[in-house]
Amino acid sequence: DAINSGDATTDGVIDALRDAMIAHGLIAAA
């Protein structure tokens, strides 16, 4: 499923992974 597709489950997983990467400094907090 696409990011921000409106699918709450998929977007929730993506958000959790993104938050984890931001917390570890792996990606910029955009």
N, C-alpha and C. Protein backbone atom coordinates (compact mmCIF):
# COMPACT_ATOMS: atom_id res chain seq x y z
N ASP A 1 0.85 -1.20 0.00
CA ASP A 1 0.00 0.00 0.00
C ASP A 1 0.88 1.24 0.00
N ALA A 2 0.41 2.31 -0.56
CA ALA A 2 1.21 3.53 -0.69
C ALA A 2 1.24 4.30 0.62
N ILE A 3 2.32 5.04 0.80
CA ILE A 3 2.42 5.92 1.97
C ILE A 3 1.30 6.95 1.91
N ASN A 4 0.66 7.17 3.08
CA ASN A 4 -0.43 8.14 3.16
C ASN A 4 -1.56 7.82 2.20
N SER A 5 -1.79 6.53 1.97
CA SER A 5 -2.84 6.09 1.06
C SER A 5 -4.20 6.17 1.72
N GLY A 6 -4.20 6.37 3.04
CA GLY A 6 -5.45 6.34 3.77
C GLY A 6 -5.67 4.99 4.44
N ASP A 7 -4.79 4.03 4.19
CA ASP A 7 -4.87 2.73 4.85
C ASP A 7 -4.24 2.87 6.23
N ALA A 8 -5.07 2.87 7.26
CA ALA A 8 -4.59 3.17 8.61
C ALA A 8 -3.53 2.18 9.07
N THR A 9 -3.71 0.90 8.75
CA THR A 9 -2.77 -0.11 9.23
C THR A 9 -1.40 0.09 8.59
N THR A 10 -1.39 0.19 7.27
CA THR A 10 -0.13 0.35 6.56
C THR A 10 0.55 1.65 6.95
N ASP A 11 -0.22 2.74 6.98
CA ASP A 11 0.36 4.03 7.33
C ASP A 11 0.88 4.01 8.75
N GLY A 12 0.20 3.29 9.64
CA GLY A 12 0.66 3.19 11.03
C GLY A 12 2.01 2.51 11.11
N VAL A 13 2.20 1.44 10.34
CA VAL A 13 3.48 0.74 10.33
C VAL A 13 4.56 1.65 9.77
N ILE A 14 4.26 2.33 8.66
CA ILE A 14 5.22 3.24 8.05
C ILE A 14 5.58 4.35 9.04
N ASP A 15 4.59 4.92 9.68
CA ASP A 15 4.83 5.98 10.65
C ASP A 15 5.73 5.48 11.78
N ALA A 16 5.49 4.27 12.27
CA ALA A 16 6.29 3.73 13.35
C ALA A 16 7.74 3.54 12.92
N LEU A 17 7.94 3.02 11.71
CA LEU A 17 9.30 2.83 11.20
C LEU A 17 10.00 4.16 11.01
N ARG A 18 9.27 5.14 10.45
CA ARG A 18 9.84 6.46 10.22
C ARG A 18 10.22 7.11 11.55
N ASP A 19 9.34 7.01 12.53
CA ASP A 19 9.64 7.57 13.84
C ASP A 19 10.89 6.93 14.43
N ALA A 20 11.03 5.62 14.28
CA ALA A 20 12.20 4.93 14.80
C ALA A 20 13.47 5.40 14.11
N MET A 21 13.41 5.56 12.79
CA MET A 21 14.58 6.02 12.04
C MET A 21 14.96 7.44 12.43
N ILE A 22 13.95 8.29 12.61
CA ILE A 22 14.21 9.66 13.04
C ILE A 22 14.87 9.65 14.42
N ALA A 23 14.35 8.82 15.31
CA ALA A 23 14.88 8.75 16.66
C ALA A 23 16.34 8.32 16.67
N HIS A 24 16.73 7.48 15.71
CA HIS A 24 18.10 7.01 15.63
C HIS A 24 18.96 7.87 14.71
N GLY A 25 18.36 8.94 14.16
CA GLY A 25 19.14 9.86 13.34
C GLY A 25 19.48 9.31 11.97
N LEU A 26 18.75 8.27 11.51
CA LEU A 26 19.07 7.66 10.22
C LEU A 26 18.51 8.47 9.07
N ILE A 27 17.39 9.17 9.33
CA ILE A 27 16.82 10.03 8.30
C ILE A 27 16.45 11.37 8.93
N ALA A 28 16.33 12.39 8.12
CA ALA A 28 15.96 13.71 8.62
C ALA A 28 14.50 13.73 9.05
N ALA A 29 14.22 14.49 10.07
CA ALA A 29 12.84 14.65 10.52
C ALA A 29 12.18 15.69 9.64
N ALA A 30 11.51 15.25 8.60
CA ALA A 30 10.93 16.17 7.63
C ALA A 30 9.46 16.38 7.91
